[in-house]
Amino acid sequence: MSAGMASNTKTIYVELLDEGTKVARPTQGEVLGGNLFRLLPTRDYDAEDEHWEFPPGSVVRCAKEMRNGEEILIARELVPPGR
């Protein structure tokens, strides 16, 4: 995926749970400002198959991390509604 499908989205990585190893799935996040994003589902998202740390629709705070020599945005904190 590219850095963003549209000007109001960015690629966000979400940790997958129950995978046996540390792995993160790229998806798109709607830019809300203040380093907050609303996670959007991937085209093939299946809640029975992949267990995201934060499910699609969640508002999350992201942090920049270096992975495989590339700086990425990774979902790190769930933001409660109204914040």
Protein backbone atom coordinates (compact mmCIF):
# COMPACT_ATOMS: atom_id res chain seq x y z
CA MET A 1 0.00 0.00 0.00
CA SER A 2 1.09 3.54 -0.57
CA ALA A 3 1.65 6.19 2.09
CA GLY A 4 -2.02 7.05 1.82
CA MET A 5 -4.89 6.28 -0.51
CA ALA A 6 -6.22 9.81 -0.24
CA SER A 7 -5.11 13.01 1.45
CA ASN A 8 -7.17 12.19 4.55
CA THR A 9 -5.74 8.67 5.09
CA LYS A 10 -2.35 7.22 5.97
CA THR A 11 -0.98 3.71 6.20
CA ILE A 12 -1.15 2.52 9.82
CA TYR A 13 0.18 -0.78 11.15
CA VAL A 14 -1.83 -2.72 13.74
CA GLU A 15 -0.36 -5.55 15.81
CA LEU A 16 -1.99 -8.94 15.22
CA LEU A 17 -2.74 -11.06 18.28
CA ASP A 18 -2.52 -14.86 18.54
CA GLU A 19 -0.05 -15.19 15.65
CA GLY A 20 2.76 -16.92 17.56
CA THR A 21 5.23 -14.18 16.59
CA LYS A 22 5.19 -10.39 16.61
CA VAL A 23 3.55 -9.22 13.39
CA ALA A 24 1.72 -6.08 12.29
CA ARG A 25 -0.85 -5.69 9.51
CA PRO A 26 -0.91 -2.56 7.34
CA THR A 27 -4.26 -0.85 6.90
CA GLN A 28 -5.49 2.65 6.24
CA GLY A 29 -6.30 5.14 8.98
CA GLU A 30 -8.45 8.22 8.62
CA VAL A 31 -6.43 11.24 9.80
CA LEU A 32 -8.20 12.92 12.72
CA GLY A 33 -5.35 15.23 13.77
CA GLY A 34 -3.16 15.31 16.85
CA ASN A 35 -1.60 11.95 15.88
CA LEU A 36 -5.04 10.29 16.09
CA PHE A 37 -6.45 8.00 13.41
CA ARG A 38 -9.65 5.99 12.88
CA LEU A 39 -8.67 2.52 11.70
CA LEU A 40 -10.29 1.36 8.48
CA PRO A 41 -10.71 -2.32 7.61
CA THR A 42 -8.66 -3.90 4.88
CA ARG A 43 -10.61 -5.13 1.87
CA ASP A 44 -10.26 -8.75 3.05
CA TYR A 45 -10.69 -8.12 6.82
CA ASP A 46 -12.16 -11.12 8.64
CA ALA A 47 -12.51 -10.81 12.44
CA GLU A 48 -12.64 -14.61 12.70
CA ASP A 49 -9.30 -14.99 10.89
CA GLU A 50 -7.23 -12.02 12.15
CA HIS A 51 -7.36 -10.62 15.66
CA TRP A 52 -6.22 -7.00 15.51
CA GLU A 53 -5.03 -5.36 18.74
CA PHE A 54 -7.45 -2.53 17.87
CA PRO A 55 -10.36 -3.46 15.56
CA PRO A 56 -11.48 -1.42 12.54
CA GLY A 57 -13.42 1.66 13.58
CA SER A 58 -11.24 2.22 16.66
CA VAL A 59 -9.66 5.62 17.21
CA VAL A 60 -6.01 5.14 18.06
CA ARG A 61 -2.93 7.19 18.88
CA CYS A 62 0.03 6.18 16.76
CA ALA A 63 3.78 6.23 17.26
CA LYS A 64 6.56 6.25 14.67
CA GLU A 65 8.79 3.18 14.73
CA MET A 66 11.64 1.87 12.62
CA ARG A 67 10.94 -1.59 11.20
CA ASN A 68 13.08 -3.23 8.55
CA GLY A 69 14.84 0.09 7.96
CA GLU A 70 11.58 1.94 7.30
CA GLU A 71 9.78 4.44 9.51
CA ILE A 72 6.14 3.40 9.98
CA LEU A 73 3.13 4.55 12.01
CA ILE A 74 1.97 1.88 14.42
CA ALA A 75 -1.23 1.92 16.49
CA ARG A 76 -0.20 2.06 20.15
CA GLU A 77 -3.12 3.35 22.24
CA LEU A 78 -6.90 3.14 22.08
CA VAL A 79 -8.49 6.58 22.47
CA PRO A 80 -11.82 6.48 24.34
CA PRO A 81 -14.83 8.16 22.68
CA GLY A 82 -15.09 11.89 23.38
CA ARG A 83 -11.36 12.49 23.75
